[in-house]
Every structure is written in structure tokens, then in C-alpha cells.
Amino acid sequence: MKRPIAELLWMALKPGVETERRQHDHEEWQILRRKQGYVTHRVYAEVSEPLRRLVYSEWESKKAADGARQYLHGTPLMRRARSTLATGPQRLVVEIVGPITSTKGLDLPDAAAAATAMAR
């Protein structure tokens, strides 16, 4: 079985831009979910620091994830979205291994309060 790739983006928002950022995320994922290789995504906010975000997405390959990001990189949408960030996002792309190979089949509630990503 082919294992999906997980892309993890950690970012910190500027104060007061949460609504604007939510709109940018919605527009961005409307585009990305139509790209070849897209599997699923989730956006989480930290409970203790609501301006920090973890964006988790799955792709069929690193090439698909990189290609989708490259497609959006120079667009006005991404320039507006980046302007809401306090610092540049940190990105990690990993192959998913272990007994669970995807979150797509998991029933994660929309009101999930936390997500933890661990990597070496």
C-alpha cells in the first residue's frame, strides 16, 4: 500500500487577523483540494496560544505537495495570507508510517481541541 505524505505547517498570526486569516485559509484550500495528489487537511489552533496554528495536510507524494504549494506561492492570495503572519511558517514533510496511515478515515470532530505532531 502506498503511504501518504503529511505536510505540517506551524505558524503564528499577528493579533487581530484571525477572521481575515480564516478567509484566506478557506480560499487557499478551495484551490489546493482540487490539485492532483490532495488527500485531506485540517487546521488547528492552540488552546493556550490561539494565535498559533498547525496546518496538517496529506498528499499522495512530496512532489504533489510541493507542486501545489509552488502553484500558490506567487499569487496575490498567498501574499495577503502571508501578511497575516507574525513570522514565516515552519514546514515539515514526512511519510506517514505505523498502523494508521491516514487521518482521512478517522472521525475527528470539528470541535477537536488539540493536535500534537511529533517528529524526529
PDB file of N, CA and C in Angstrom:
ATOM      1  N   MET A   1       0.841  -1.176   0.000  1.00  0.00           N
ATOM      2  CA  MET A   1       0.000   0.000   0.000  1.00  0.00           C
ATOM      3  C   MET A   1       0.892   1.248   0.000  1.00  0.00           C
ATOM      4  N   LYS A   2       0.558   2.182  -0.843  1.00  0.00           N
ATOM      5  CA  LYS A   2       1.286   3.440  -0.931  1.00  0.00           C
ATOM      6  C   LYS A   2       0.979   4.284   0.311  1.00  0.00           C
ATOM      7  N   ARG A   3       2.013   4.820   0.935  1.00  0.00           N
ATOM      8  CA  ARG A   3       1.823   5.626   2.138  1.00  0.00           C
ATOM      9  C   ARG A   3       1.765   7.103   1.766  1.00  0.00           C
ATOM     10  N   PRO A   4       0.800   7.813   2.324  1.00  0.00           N
ATOM     11  CA  PRO A   4       0.697   9.242   2.018  1.00  0.00           C
ATOM     12  C   PRO A   4       1.789  10.051   2.702  1.00  0.00           C
ATOM     13  N   ILE A   5       1.928  11.267   2.235  1.00  0.00           N
ATOM     14  CA  ILE A   5       2.875  12.231   2.793  1.00  0.00           C
ATOM     15  C   ILE A   5       2.078  13.210   3.644  1.00  0.00           C
ATOM     16  N   ALA A   6       2.599  13.528   4.810  1.00  0.00           N
ATOM     17  CA  ALA A   6       1.968  14.543   5.653  1.00  0.00           C
ATOM     18  C   ALA A   6       2.801  15.816   5.590  1.00  0.00           C
ATOM     19  N   GLU A   7       2.124  16.929   5.392  1.00  0.00           N
ATOM     20  CA  GLU A   7       2.764  18.239   5.432  1.00  0.00           C
ATOM     21  C   GLU A   7       2.266  18.926   6.707  1.00  0.00           C
ATOM     22  N   LEU A   8       3.191  19.381   7.530  1.00  0.00           N
ATOM     23  CA  LEU A   8       2.863  20.087   8.761  1.00  0.00           C
ATOM     24  C   LEU A   8       3.393  21.507   8.646  1.00  0.00           C
ATOM     25  N   LEU A   9       2.519  22.474   8.837  1.00  0.00           N
ATOM     26  CA  LEU A   9       2.914  23.882   8.825  1.00  0.00           C
ATOM     27  C   LEU A   9       2.579  24.480  10.180  1.00  0.00           C
ATOM     28  N   TRP A  10       3.589  25.040  10.855  1.00  0.00           N
ATOM     29  CA  TRP A  10       3.366  25.754  12.102  1.00  0.00           C
ATOM     30  C   TRP A  10       3.466  27.232  11.792  1.00  0.00           C
ATOM     31  N   MET A  11       2.520  28.014  12.299  1.00  0.00           N
ATOM     32  CA  MET A  11       2.565  29.447  12.042  1.00  0.00           C
ATOM     33  C   MET A  11       1.996  30.216  13.228  1.00  0.00           C
ATOM     34  N   ALA A  12       2.421  31.467  13.338  1.00  0.00           N
ATOM     35  CA  ALA A  12       1.906  32.370  14.365  1.00  0.00           C
ATOM     36  C   ALA A  12       1.279  33.571  13.662  1.00  0.00           C
ATOM     37  N   LEU A  13       0.045  33.883  14.032  1.00  0.00           N
ATOM     38  CA  LEU A  13      -0.673  35.003  13.428  1.00  0.00           C
ATOM     39  C   LEU A  13      -0.388  36.300  14.168  1.00  0.00           C
ATOM     40  N   LYS A  14      -0.511  37.401  13.448  1.00  0.00           N
ATOM     41  CA  LYS A  14      -0.483  38.712  14.081  1.00  0.00           C
ATOM     42  C   LYS A  14      -1.788  38.888  14.852  1.00  0.00           C
ATOM     43  N   PRO A  15      -1.774  39.611  15.958  1.00  0.00           N
ATOM     44  CA  PRO A  15      -3.022  39.851  16.695  1.00  0.00           C
ATOM     45  C   PRO A  15      -4.047  40.584  15.835  1.00  0.00           C
ATOM     46  N   GLY A  16      -5.318  40.175  15.960  1.00  0.00           N
ATOM     47  CA  GLY A  16      -6.416  40.851  15.283  1.00  0.00           C
ATOM     48  C   GLY A  16      -6.688  40.433  13.859  1.00  0.00           C
ATOM     49  N   VAL A  17      -6.006  39.403  13.360  1.00  0.00           N
ATOM     50  CA  VAL A  17      -6.192  38.996  11.958  1.00  0.00           C
ATOM     51  C   VAL A  17      -6.872  37.633  11.815  1.00  0.00           C
ATOM     52  N   GLU A  18      -7.435  37.117  12.903  1.00  0.00           N
ATOM     53  CA  GLU A  18      -7.983  35.758  12.871  1.00  0.00           C
ATOM     54  C   GLU A  18      -9.073  35.588  11.813  1.00  0.00           C
ATOM     55  N   THR A  19      -9.996  36.528  11.721  1.00  0.00           N
ATOM     56  CA  THR A  19     -11.081  36.423  10.739  1.00  0.00           C
ATOM     57  C   THR A  19     -10.540  36.500   9.322  1.00  0.00           C
ATOM     58  N   GLU A  20      -9.631  37.438   9.092  1.00  0.00           N
ATOM     59  CA  GLU A  20      -9.011  37.575   7.766  1.00  0.00           C
ATOM     60  C   GLU A  20      -8.262  36.303   7.394  1.00  0.00           C
ATOM     61  N   ARG A  21      -7.503  35.749   8.338  1.00  0.00           N
ATOM     62  CA  ARG A  21      -6.730  34.539   8.065  1.00  0.00           C
ATOM     63  C   ARG A  21      -7.652  33.356   7.774  1.00  0.00           C
ATOM     64  N   ARG A  22      -8.746  33.249   8.497  1.00  0.00           N
ATOM     65  CA  ARG A  22      -9.705  32.170   8.263  1.00  0.00           C
ATOM     66  C   ARG A  22     -10.231  32.225   6.829  1.00  0.00           C
ATOM     67  N   GLN A  23     -10.494  33.432   6.324  1.00  0.00           N
ATOM     68  CA  GLN A  23     -10.964  33.600   4.943  1.00  0.00           C
ATOM     69  C   GLN A  23      -9.875  33.194   3.946  1.00  0.00           C
ATOM     70  N   HIS A  24      -8.629  33.607   4.222  1.00  0.00           N
ATOM     71  CA  HIS A  24      -7.518  33.215   3.335  1.00  0.00           C
ATOM     72  C   HIS A  24      -7.350  31.699   3.316  1.00  0.00           C
ATOM     73  N   ASP A  25      -7.418  31.078   4.504  1.00  0.00           N
ATOM     74  CA  ASP A  25      -7.293  29.617   4.566  1.00  0.00           C
ATOM     75  C   ASP A  25      -8.394  28.945   3.753  1.00  0.00           C
ATOM     76  N   HIS A  26      -9.608  29.444   3.874  1.00  0.00           N
ATOM     77  CA  HIS A  26     -10.729  28.869   3.120  1.00  0.00           C
ATOM     78  C   HIS A  26     -10.471  28.958   1.617  1.00  0.00           C
ATOM     79  N   GLU A  27     -10.071  30.133   1.144  1.00  0.00           N
ATOM     80  CA  GLU A  27      -9.796  30.312  -0.288  1.00  0.00           C
ATOM     81  C   GLU A  27      -8.635  29.434  -0.743  1.00  0.00           C
ATOM     82  N   GLU A  28      -7.577  29.390   0.067  1.00  0.00           N
ATOM     83  CA  GLU A  28      -6.395  28.594  -0.273  1.00  0.00           C
ATOM     84  C   GLU A  28      -6.760  27.118  -0.415  1.00  0.00           C
ATOM     85  N   TRP A  29      -7.519  26.576   0.533  1.00  0.00           N
ATOM     86  CA  TRP A  29      -7.848  25.152   0.483  1.00  0.00           C
ATOM     87  C   TRP A  29      -8.899  24.834  -0.556  1.00  0.00           C
ATOM     88  N   GLN A  30      -9.694  25.812  -0.968  1.00  0.00           N
ATOM     89  CA  GLN A  30     -10.604  25.587  -2.096  1.00  0.00           C
ATOM     90  C   GLN A  30      -9.793  25.282  -3.354  1.00  0.00           C
ATOM     91  N   ILE A  31      -8.653  25.930  -3.489  1.00  0.00           N
ATOM     92  CA  ILE A  31      -7.765  25.698  -4.630  1.00  0.00           C
ATOM     93  C   ILE A  31      -6.968  24.408  -4.448  1.00  0.00           C
ATOM     94  N   LEU A  32      -6.326  24.249  -3.274  1.00  0.00           N
ATOM     95  CA  LEU A  32      -5.436  23.112  -3.049  1.00  0.00           C
ATOM     96  C   LEU A  32      -6.162  21.774  -3.083  1.00  0.00           C
ATOM     97  N   ARG A  33      -7.404  21.720  -2.607  1.00  0.00           N
ATOM     98  CA  ARG A  33      -8.094  20.426  -2.579  1.00  0.00           C
ATOM     99  C   ARG A  33      -8.422  19.925  -3.988  1.00  0.00           C
ATOM    100  N   ARG A  34      -8.334  20.798  -4.989  1.00  0.00           N
ATOM    101  CA  ARG A  34      -8.561  20.369  -6.380  1.00  0.00           C
ATOM    102  C   ARG A  34      -7.268  19.939  -7.074  1.00  0.00           C
ATOM    103  N   LYS A  35      -6.133  20.131  -6.403  1.00  0.00           N
ATOM    104  CA  LYS A  35      -4.853  19.773  -7.012  1.00  0.00           C
ATOM    105  C   LYS A  35      -4.650  18.263  -6.975  1.00  0.00           C
ATOM    106  N   GLN A  36      -3.994  17.759  -8.013  1.00  0.00           N
ATOM    107  CA  GLN A  36      -3.700  16.331  -8.089  1.00  0.00           C
ATOM    108  C   GLN A  36      -2.853  15.927  -6.888  1.00  0.00           C
ATOM    109  N   GLY A  37      -3.222  14.837  -6.254  1.00  0.00           N
ATOM    110  CA  GLY A  37      -2.457  14.311  -5.130  1.00  0.00           C
ATOM    111  C   GLY A  37      -2.982  14.721  -3.765  1.00  0.00           C
ATOM    112  N   TYR A  38      -3.958  15.643  -3.709  1.00  0.00           N
ATOM    113  CA  TYR A  38      -4.526  16.062  -2.428  1.00  0.00           C
ATOM    114  C   TYR A  38      -5.311  14.911  -1.801  1.00  0.00           C
ATOM    115  N   VAL A  39      -5.155  14.715  -0.484  1.00  0.00           N
ATOM    116  CA  VAL A  39      -5.900  13.691   0.231  1.00  0.00           C
ATOM    117  C   VAL A  39      -6.846  14.341   1.245  1.00  0.00           C
ATOM    118  N   THR A  40      -6.307  15.114   2.183  1.00  0.00           N
ATOM    119  CA  THR A  40      -7.126  15.758   3.215  1.00  0.00           C
ATOM    120  C   THR A  40      -6.311  16.850   3.900  1.00  0.00           C
ATOM    121  N   HIS A  41      -6.995  17.669   4.694  1.00  0.00           N
ATOM    122  CA  HIS A  41      -6.288  18.677   5.501  1.00  0.00           C
ATOM    123  C   HIS A  41      -7.127  19.049   6.714  1.00  0.00           C
ATOM    124  N   ARG A  42      -6.444  19.595   7.712  1.00  0.00           N
ATOM    125  CA  ARG A  42      -7.082  20.124   8.913  1.00  0.00           C
ATOM    126  C   ARG A  42      -6.279  21.332   9.384  1.00  0.00           C
ATOM    127  N   VAL A  43      -6.965  22.317   9.962  1.00  0.00           N
ATOM    128  CA  VAL A  43      -6.303  23.493  10.540  1.00  0.00           C
ATOM    129  C   VAL A  43      -6.664  23.523  12.017  1.00  0.00           C
ATOM    130  N   TYR A  44      -5.640  23.558  12.884  1.00  0.00           N
ATOM    131  CA  TYR A  44      -5.839  23.557  14.328  1.00  0.00           C
ATOM    132  C   TYR A  44      -5.272  24.836  14.933  1.00  0.00           C
ATOM    133  N   ALA A  45      -5.932  25.328  15.976  1.00  0.00           N
ATOM    134  CA  ALA A  45      -5.416  26.449  16.775  1.00  0.00           C
ATOM    135  C   ALA A  45      -5.021  25.891  18.138  1.00  0.00           C
ATOM    136  N   GLU A  46      -3.941  26.430  18.707  1.00  0.00           N
ATOM    137  CA  GLU A  46      -3.537  26.007  20.049  1.00  0.00           C
ATOM    138  C   GLU A  46      -4.492  26.601  21.072  1.00  0.00           C
ATOM    139  N   VAL A  47      -4.896  25.796  22.046  1.00  0.00           N
ATOM    140  CA  VAL A  47      -5.795  26.278  23.085  1.00  0.00           C
ATOM    141  C   VAL A  47      -5.110  27.337  23.934  1.00  0.00           C
ATOM    142  N   SER A  48      -3.874  27.092  24.326  1.00  0.00           N
ATOM    143  CA  SER A  48      -3.164  28.026  25.211  1.00  0.00           C
ATOM    144  C   SER A  48      -2.634  29.264  24.487  1.00  0.00           C
ATOM    145  N   GLU A  49      -2.431  29.173  23.173  1.00  0.00           N
ATOM    146  CA  GLU A  49      -1.963  30.300  22.371  1.00  0.00           C
ATOM    147  C   GLU A  49      -2.796  30.354  21.091  1.00  0.00           C
ATOM    148  N   PRO A  50      -3.974  31.003  21.128  1.00  0.00           N
ATOM    149  CA  PRO A  50      -4.898  30.966  19.988  1.00  0.00           C
ATOM    150  C   PRO A  50      -4.352  31.564  18.688  1.00  0.00           C
ATOM    151  N   LEU A  51      -3.260  32.310  18.749  1.00  0.00           N
ATOM    152  CA  LEU A  51      -2.686  32.880  17.526  1.00  0.00           C
ATOM    153  C   LEU A  51      -1.725  31.906  16.837  1.00  0.00           C
ATOM    154  N   ARG A  52      -1.448  30.761  17.464  1.00  0.00           N
ATOM    155  CA  ARG A  52      -0.581  29.756  16.840  1.00  0.00           C
ATOM    156  C   ARG A  52      -1.452  28.718  16.146  1.00  0.00           C
ATOM    157  N   ARG A  53      -1.025  28.322  14.950  1.00  0.00           N
ATOM    158  CA  ARG A  53      -1.780  27.364  14.135  1.00  0.00           C
ATOM    159  C   ARG A  53      -0.892  26.194  13.723  1.00  0.00           C
ATOM    160  N   LEU A  54      -1.530  25.049  13.612  1.00  0.00           N
ATOM    161  CA  LEU A  54      -0.922  23.871  12.992  1.00  0.00           C
ATOM    162  C   LEU A  54      -1.821  23.514  11.825  1.00  0.00           C
ATOM    163  N   VAL A  55      -1.258  23.490  10.629  1.00  0.00           N
ATOM    164  CA  VAL A  55      -1.996  23.083   9.437  1.00  0.00           C
ATOM    165  C   VAL A  55      -1.439  21.714   9.042  1.00  0.00           C
ATOM    166  N   TYR A  56      -2.313  20.717   9.065  1.00  0.00           N
ATOM    167  CA  TYR A  56      -1.944  19.346   8.740  1.00  0.00           C
ATOM    168  C   TYR A  56      -2.605  18.987   7.421  1.00  0.00           C
ATOM    169  N   SER A  57      -1.818  18.513   6.474  1.00  0.00           N
ATOM    170  CA  SER A  57      -2.403  18.060   5.214  1.00  0.00           C
ATOM    171  C   SER A  57      -1.741  16.775   4.773  1.00  0.00           C
ATOM    172  N   GLU A  58      -2.466  15.999   3.996  1.00  0.00           N
ATOM    173  CA  GLU A  58      -1.934  14.755   3.432  1.00  0.00           C
ATOM    174  C   GLU A  58      -1.988  14.829   1.924  1.00  0.00           C
ATOM    175  N   TRP A  59      -0.949  14.274   1.315  1.00  0.00           N
ATOM    176  CA  TRP A  59      -0.797  14.260  -0.140  1.00  0.00           C
ATOM    177  C   TRP A  59      -0.336  12.880  -0.570  1.00  0.00           C
ATOM    178  N   GLU A  60      -0.555  12.553  -1.824  1.00  0.00           N
ATOM    179  CA  GLU A  60      -0.124  11.249  -2.341  1.00  0.00           C
ATOM    180  C   GLU A  60       1.390  11.151  -2.456  1.00  0.00           C
ATOM    181  N   SER A  61       2.075  12.301  -2.583  1.00  0.00           N
ATOM    182  CA  SER A  61       3.535  12.301  -2.692  1.00  0.00           C
ATOM    183  C   SER A  61       4.075  13.675  -2.316  1.00  0.00           C
ATOM    184  N   LYS A  62       5.374  13.734  -2.033  1.00  0.00           N
ATOM    185  CA  LYS A  62       6.017  15.019  -1.747  1.00  0.00           C
ATOM    186  C   LYS A  62       5.971  15.907  -2.985  1.00  0.00           C
ATOM    187  N   LYS A  63       6.111  15.290  -4.154  1.00  0.00           N
ATOM    188  CA  LYS A  63       6.047  16.044  -5.408  1.00  0.00           C
ATOM    189  C   LYS A  63       4.687  16.737  -5.549  1.00  0.00           C
ATOM    190  N   ALA A  64       3.606  16.051  -5.181  1.00  0.00           N
ATOM    191  CA  ALA A  64       2.264  16.649  -5.258  1.00  0.00           C
ATOM    192  C   ALA A  64       2.145  17.811  -4.278  1.00  0.00           C
ATOM    193  N   ALA A  65       2.627  17.631  -3.042  1.00  0.00           N
ATOM    194  CA  ALA A  65       2.566  18.698  -2.031  1.00  0.00           C
ATOM    195  C   ALA A  65       3.390  19.907  -2.476  1.00  0.00           C
ATOM    196  N   ASP A  66       4.609  19.645  -2.937  1.00  0.00           N
ATOM    197  CA  ASP A  66       5.475  20.742  -3.389  1.00  0.00           C
ATOM    198  C   ASP A  66       4.879  21.462  -4.593  1.00  0.00           C
ATOM    199  N   GLY A  67       4.318  20.703  -5.531  1.00  0.00           N
ATOM    200  CA  GLY A  67       3.726  21.299  -6.725  1.00  0.00           C
ATOM    201  C   GLY A  67       2.528  22.181  -6.394  1.00  0.00           C
ATOM    202  N   ALA A  68       1.690  21.726  -5.479  1.00  0.00           N
ATOM    203  CA  ALA A  68       0.523  22.512  -5.083  1.00  0.00           C
ATOM    204  C   ALA A  68       0.959  23.802  -4.398  1.00  0.00           C
ATOM    205  N   ARG A  69       1.937  23.708  -3.511  1.00  0.00           N
ATOM    206  CA  ARG A  69       2.455  24.909  -2.821  1.00  0.00           C
ATOM    207  C   ARG A  69       3.091  25.875  -3.821  1.00  0.00           C
ATOM    208  N   GLN A  70       3.856  25.327  -4.757  1.00  0.00           N
ATOM    209  CA  GLN A  70       4.513  26.162  -5.767  1.00  0.00           C
ATOM    210  C   GLN A  70       3.479  26.894  -6.613  1.00  0.00           C
ATOM    211  N   TYR A  71       2.390  26.223  -6.922  1.00  0.00           N
ATOM    212  CA  TYR A  71       1.321  26.822  -7.715  1.00  0.00           C
ATOM    213  C   TYR A  71       0.782  28.088  -7.043  1.00  0.00           C
ATOM    214  N   LEU A  72       0.623  28.040  -5.729  1.00  0.00           N
ATOM    215  CA  LEU A  72       0.063  29.184  -4.993  1.00  0.00           C
ATOM    216  C   LEU A  72       1.096  30.230  -4.585  1.00  0.00           C
ATOM    217  N   HIS A  73       2.360  29.858  -4.584  1.00  0.00           N
ATOM    218  CA  HIS A  73       3.417  30.671  -3.983  1.00  0.00           C
ATOM    219  C   HIS A  73       3.400  32.157  -4.365  1.00  0.00           C
ATOM    220  N   GLY A  74       3.325  32.491  -5.621  1.00  0.00           N
ATOM    221  CA  GLY A  74       3.432  33.883  -6.040  1.00  0.00           C
ATOM    222  C   GLY A  74       2.109  34.599  -6.269  1.00  0.00           C
ATOM    223  N   THR A  75       1.007  33.980  -5.853  1.00  0.00           N
ATOM    224  CA  THR A  75      -0.302  34.565  -6.129  1.00  0.00           C
ATOM    225  C   THR A  75      -0.642  35.693  -5.148  1.00  0.00           C
ATOM    226  N   PRO A  76      -1.517  36.603  -5.544  1.00  0.00           N
ATOM    227  CA  PRO A  76      -1.974  37.653  -4.606  1.00  0.00           C
ATOM    228  C   PRO A  76      -2.596  37.063  -3.342  1.00  0.00           C
ATOM    229  N   LEU A  77      -3.305  35.936  -3.466  1.00  0.00           N
ATOM    230  CA  LEU A  77      -3.896  35.295  -2.292  1.00  0.00           C
ATOM    231  C   LEU A  77      -2.827  34.950  -1.270  1.00  0.00           C
ATOM    232  N   MET A  78      -1.728  34.359  -1.711  1.00  0.00           N
ATOM    233  CA  MET A  78      -0.672  33.963  -0.769  1.00  0.00           C
ATOM    234  C   MET A  78       0.044  35.183  -0.198  1.00  0.00           C
ATOM    235  N   ARG A  79       0.198  36.239  -0.979  1.00  0.00           N
ATOM    236  CA  ARG A  79       0.806  37.453  -0.434  1.00  0.00           C
ATOM    237  C   ARG A  79      -0.072  38.031   0.674  1.00  0.00           C
ATOM    238  N   ARG A  80      -1.386  38.036   0.461  1.00  0.00           N
ATOM    239  CA  ARG A  80      -2.307  38.522   1.504  1.00  0.00           C
ATOM    240  C   ARG A  80      -2.276  37.605   2.722  1.00  0.00           C
ATOM    241  N   ALA A  81      -2.250  36.312   2.490  1.00  0.00           N
ATOM    242  CA  ALA A  81      -2.223  35.348   3.600  1.00  0.00           C
ATOM    243  C   ALA A  81      -0.939  35.485   4.406  1.00  0.00           C
ATOM    244  N   ARG A  82       0.202  35.630   3.737  1.00  0.00           N
ATOM    245  CA  ARG A  82       1.479  35.793   4.449  1.00  0.00           C
ATOM    246  C   ARG A  82       1.509  37.071   5.270  1.00  0.00           C
ATOM    247  N   SER A  83       0.765  38.100   4.838  1.00  0.00           N
ATOM    248  CA  SER A  83       0.770  39.368   5.576  1.00  0.00           C
ATOM    249  C   SER A  83       0.086  39.241   6.936  1.00  0.00           C
ATOM    250  N   THR A  84      -0.647  38.153   7.170  1.00  0.00           N
ATOM    251  CA  THR A  84      -1.307  37.938   8.457  1.00  0.00           C
ATOM    252  C   THR A  84      -0.404  37.222   9.461  1.00  0.00           C
ATOM    253  N   LEU A  85       0.771  36.783   9.017  1.00  0.00           N
ATOM    254  CA  LEU A  85       1.660  36.005   9.874  1.00  0.00           C
ATOM    255  C   LEU A  85       2.647  36.890  10.626  1.00  0.00           C
ATOM    256  N   ALA A  86       2.897  36.536  11.886  1.00  0.00           N
ATOM    257  CA  ALA A  86       3.886  37.245  12.693  1.00  0.00           C
ATOM    258  C   ALA A  86       5.301  36.866  12.253  1.00  0.00           C
ATOM    259  N   THR A  87       5.497  35.614  11.854  1.00  0.00           N
ATOM    260  CA  THR A  87       6.780  35.111  11.354  1.00  0.00           C
ATOM    261  C   THR A  87       6.485  34.144  10.219  1.00  0.00           C
ATOM    262  N   GLY A  88       7.509  33.791   9.470  1.00  0.00           N
ATOM    263  CA  GLY A  88       7.325  32.830   8.388  1.00  0.00           C
ATOM    264  C   GLY A  88       6.931  31.465   8.931  1.00  0.00           C
ATOM    265  N   PRO A  89       6.109  30.715   8.188  1.00  0.00           N
ATOM    266  CA  PRO A  89       5.702  29.388   8.663  1.00  0.00           C
ATOM    267  C   PRO A  89       6.876  28.409   8.630  1.00  0.00           C
ATOM    268  N   GLN A  90       6.825  27.427   9.511  1.00  0.00           N
ATOM    269  CA  GLN A  90       7.797  26.338   9.506  1.00  0.00           C
ATOM    270  C   GLN A  90       7.114  25.135   8.884  1.00  0.00           C
ATOM    271  N   ARG A  91       7.788  24.490   7.938  1.00  0.00           N
ATOM    272  CA  ARG A  91       7.192  23.383   7.181  1.00  0.00           C
ATOM    273  C   ARG A  91       8.001  22.115   7.391  1.00  0.00           C
ATOM    274  N   LEU A  92       7.273  21.019   7.582  1.00  0.00           N
ATOM    275  CA  LEU A  92       7.879  19.703   7.678  1.00  0.00           C
ATOM    276  C   LEU A  92       7.044  18.755   6.828  1.00  0.00           C
ATOM    277  N   VAL A  93       7.696  17.981   5.964  1.00  0.00           N
ATOM    278  CA  VAL A  93       7.006  16.995   5.132  1.00  0.00           C
ATOM    279  C   VAL A  93       7.570  15.629   5.501  1.00  0.00           C
ATOM    280  N   VAL A  94       6.674  14.703   5.888  1.00  0.00           N
ATOM    281  CA  VAL A  94       7.104  13.378   6.332  1.00  0.00           C
ATOM    282  C   VAL A  94       6.225  12.302   5.716  1.00  0.00           C
ATOM    283  N   GLU A  95       6.782  11.085   5.599  1.00  0.00           N
ATOM    284  CA  GLU A  95       5.981   9.940   5.175  1.00  0.00           C
ATOM    285  C   GLU A  95       5.263   9.402   6.402  1.00  0.00           C
ATOM    286  N   ILE A  96       3.988   9.088   6.259  1.00  0.00           N
ATOM    287  CA  ILE A  96       3.203   8.569   7.372  1.00  0.00           C
ATOM    288  C   ILE A  96       3.439   7.074   7.477  1.00  0.00           C
ATOM    289  N   VAL A  97       3.855   6.613   8.664  1.00  0.00           N
ATOM    290  CA  VAL A  97       4.124   5.189   8.889  1.00  0.00           C
ATOM    291  C   VAL A  97       3.414   4.744  10.157  1.00  0.00           C
ATOM    292  N   GLY A  98       3.299   3.451  10.334  1.00  0.00           N
ATOM    293  CA  GLY A  98       2.654   2.907  11.517  1.00  0.00           C
ATOM    294  C   GLY A  98       1.302   2.314  11.167  1.00  0.00           C
ATOM    295  N   PRO A  99       0.554   1.872  12.189  1.00  0.00           N
ATOM    296  CA  PRO A  99      -0.712   1.210  11.925  1.00  0.00           C
ATOM    297  C   PRO A  99      -1.757   2.118  11.295  1.00  0.00           C
ATOM    298  N   ILE A 100      -1.740   3.410  11.598  1.00  0.00           N
ATOM    299  CA  ILE A 100      -2.673   4.346  10.977  1.00  0.00           C
ATOM    300  C   ILE A 100      -1.908   5.057   9.873  1.00  0.00           C
ATOM    301  N   THR A 101      -2.342   4.907   8.643  1.00  0.00           N
ATOM    302  CA  THR A 101      -1.619   5.501   7.526  1.00  0.00           C
ATOM    303  C   THR A 101      -2.279   6.759   6.997  1.00  0.00           C
ATOM    304  N   SER A 102      -3.416   7.160   7.584  1.00  0.00           N
ATOM    305  CA  SER A 102      -4.088   8.367   7.127  1.00  0.00           C
ATOM    306  C   SER A 102      -5.104   8.804   8.164  1.00  0.00           C
ATOM    307  N   THR A 103      -5.309  10.102   8.279  1.00  0.00           N
ATOM    308  CA  THR A 103      -6.382  10.600   9.150  1.00  0.00           C
ATOM    309  C   THR A 103      -7.689  10.666   8.393  1.00  0.00           C
ATOM    310  N   LYS A 104      -7.649  10.450   7.080  1.00  0.00           N
ATOM    311  CA  LYS A 104      -8.857  10.617   6.275  1.00  0.00           C
ATOM    312  C   LYS A 104     -10.000   9.735   6.767  1.00  0.00           C
ATOM    313  N   GLY A 105      -9.695   8.532   7.211  1.00  0.00           N
ATOM    314  CA  GLY A 105     -10.737   7.641   7.665  1.00  0.00           C
ATOM    315  C   GLY A 105     -11.122   7.816   9.121  1.00  0.00           C
ATOM    316  N   LEU A 106     -10.397   8.652   9.868  1.00  0.00           N
ATOM    317  CA  LEU A 106     -10.715   8.847  11.274  1.00  0.00           C
ATOM    318  C   LEU A 106     -11.847   9.843  11.433  1.00  0.00           C
ATOM    319  N   ASP A 107     -12.671   9.622  12.426  1.00  0.00           N
ATOM    320  CA  ASP A 107     -13.775  10.534  12.700  1.00  0.00           C
ATOM    321  C   ASP A 107     -13.284  11.583  13.695  1.00  0.00           C
ATOM    322  N   LEU A 108     -12.653  12.644  13.199  1.00  0.00           N
ATOM    323  CA  LEU A 108     -12.169  13.720  14.058  1.00  0.00           C
ATOM    324  C   LEU A 108     -13.228  14.807  14.117  1.00  0.00           C
ATOM    325  N   PRO A 109     -13.721  15.136  15.312  1.00  0.00           N
ATOM    326  CA  PRO A 109     -14.773  16.148  15.407  1.00  0.00           C
ATOM    327  C   PRO A 109     -14.261  17.530  15.023  1.00  0.00           C
ATOM    328  N   ASP A 110     -15.155  18.352  14.454  1.00  0.00           N
ATOM    329  CA  ASP A 110     -14.787  19.716  14.077  1.00  0.00           C
ATOM    330  C   ASP A 110     -14.343  20.524  15.283  1.00  0.00           C
ATOM    331  N   ALA A 111     -14.829  20.189  16.463  1.00  0.00           N
ATOM    332  CA  ALA A 111     -14.502  20.938  17.666  1.00  0.00           C
ATOM    333  C   ALA A 111     -13.302  20.346  18.400  1.00  0.00           C
ATOM    334  N   ALA A 112     -12.476  19.556  17.711  1.00  0.00           N
ATOM    335  CA  ALA A 112     -11.289  18.972  18.356  1.00  0.00           C
ATOM    336  C   ALA A 112     -10.458  20.092  18.957  1.00  0.00           C
ATOM    337  N   ALA A 113     -10.051  19.919  20.206  1.00  0.00           N
ATOM    338  CA  ALA A 113      -9.370  20.998  20.928  1.00  0.00           C
ATOM    339  C   ALA A 113      -7.867  20.972  20.768  1.00  0.00           C
ATOM    340  N   ALA A 114      -7.284  19.874  20.344  1.00  0.00           N
ATOM    341  CA  ALA A 114      -5.831  19.812  20.302  1.00  0.00           C
ATOM    342  C   ALA A 114      -5.355  18.809  19.275  1.00  0.00           C
ATOM    343  N   ALA A 115      -4.159  19.041  18.792  1.00  0.00           N
ATOM    344  CA  ALA A 115      -3.478  18.084  17.926  1.00  0.00           C
ATOM    345  C   ALA A 115      -2.005  18.188  18.252  1.00  0.00           C
ATOM    346  N   THR A 116      -1.326  17.072  18.289  1.00  0.00           N
ATOM    347  CA  THR A 116       0.098  17.062  18.572  1.00  0.00           C
ATOM    348  C   THR A 116       0.798  16.358  17.433  1.00  0.00           C
ATOM    349  N   ALA A 117       1.860  16.970  16.946  1.00  0.00           N
ATOM    350  CA  ALA A 117       2.664  16.336  15.906  1.00  0.00           C
ATOM    351  C   ALA A 117       4.058  16.135  16.475  1.00  0.00           C
ATOM    352  N   MET A 118       4.554  14.920  16.355  1.00  0.00           N
ATOM    353  CA  MET A 118       5.881  14.623  16.849  1.00  0.00           C
ATOM    354  C   MET A 118       6.709  14.095  15.703  1.00  0.00           C
ATOM    355  N   ALA A 119       7.929  14.571  15.613  1.00  0.00           N
ATOM    356  CA  ALA A 119       8.836  14.095  14.569  1.00  0.00           C
ATOM    357  C   ALA A 119      10.250  14.142  15.098  1.00  0.00           C
ATOM    358  N   ARG A 120      11.079  13.267  14.560  1.00  0.00           N
ATOM    359  CA  ARG A 120      12.480  13.292  14.953  1.00  0.00           C
ATOM    360  C   ARG A 120      13.205  14.295  14.119  1.00  0.00           C
TER     361      ARG A 120
END
